[in-house]
Amino acid sequence: MSLLPLVAALFVTAVLFALFVASQGYPAFDALALVGKGAFGSTFAWQNTLSRAAPIMLTALCVALPARAGLLIIGGEGALALGGLAAAMVPVALAGWPVLLVQGLMALAGFVVGGGWIALSGWLRYKRGVNETISSLLLAYIGAAVFNFLVEGILRDPASLNKPSTAPIGDRYVIGAIPGMDVHWGLVWGVLVCIGAWWLMRHTVFGFAVGVAGGNPRAAQMVGLPVGRLMLMACFLGGGAAGLAGMLEVAAVHGDANADLMAGYGYAGILVSFAARHHPLGVMAGALLVGGIGASGSLLQRHLDLPDAATLVLQGMLFVSLLAFETLNRKGAQRV
């Protein structure tokens, strides 16, 4: 797999971001240096980057796994929010139960709800011919609306005055930090899920069948593969990964479900999946890159007075550059 398009996209993105910063009257080279320093320049920066990378790995799988079945899903943000909300309800209903059992049920609830939400897009595509990219994006907005309706309504904790949220899950069920680090165990979960997804798609009959269905659905149907079922399963697994990301954010970061769950991790996962060419192992490196960009926002704000949203501009430039160079690379390969 050639890394030339990725390297070229990174270089062009750096140039474009420098020009953008300079056009706003800020020192361009200082901004680029601060991005690197804020992402990887210290132990604190690394830990901040790793904490952000954990949910991004999982939301990237929400794009990467359906892509193996030939579907472009971009609705991971909705699956993350609803999965996190479902997970937050488990300790409230099962208060006093054993810790590991409740945490396991939280993960299961987040996975099933997130998976079911994204599976709707796969069902609409196979049964009704609805474009899955559009339907998954619309479902992300619907999921956010449902989340806000419930959190600000019947599931709201009366004690949450200024910031509506569900009842706290309780310190007993919070997922702690990795010993010697300020990074929660969600990072390990994310890495293990990525490795498991790679093994599933690379070394099982199911993964091979999904690849065949994604490469040529008509040929897959001719040899008797259940294309519709494979699409649904790929979407369910991808959405489940995003729902698991929501559960980890609730259990390790926020302690409840609130609007801060929708921090853009679902959309960052789209960029990471494309950067990794939808490879489950590649998304780990991509999540580090994008997590580092996000982690550098506060440093840019403090030192150059740039708005925190400057990192979103940088991510957008990287995404457009990746699409452009991947397209050029494919056209060049076709000519050869």
Foldseek 3Di string as FASTA:
>chain_A
DDCVLLVVLVVVLLVVLLVVCVVVPFHSVVLVVLLCCCCPVDQVSVQLLLQQLLLLLLLLLLQLLLVLLQAGAQQLLLLLQQLLQQLQVQLVVVPPDDQVVSLVVSLVSLLQSQLVLQLVLLCCCVPVVDRSHVVSNVSSVVSLVVSCCCQVPDQFDPVPDPFGWGDFSDPSNAFACDPPGRHGCSSVVSQVLLVVVLCPLPPDPLNVLSNVNSVPVVVSVVVPHPSSVSSSVSNSNSSSSSSSSSNNCCRHPPRTRGPVSSVCSNNLSSLLCLSQVSRSNSSSVSSSSLSSLLSSLVVCCVPGVDHSCSSVVSSVSSSVSSVVSVVVVVVVVVVD
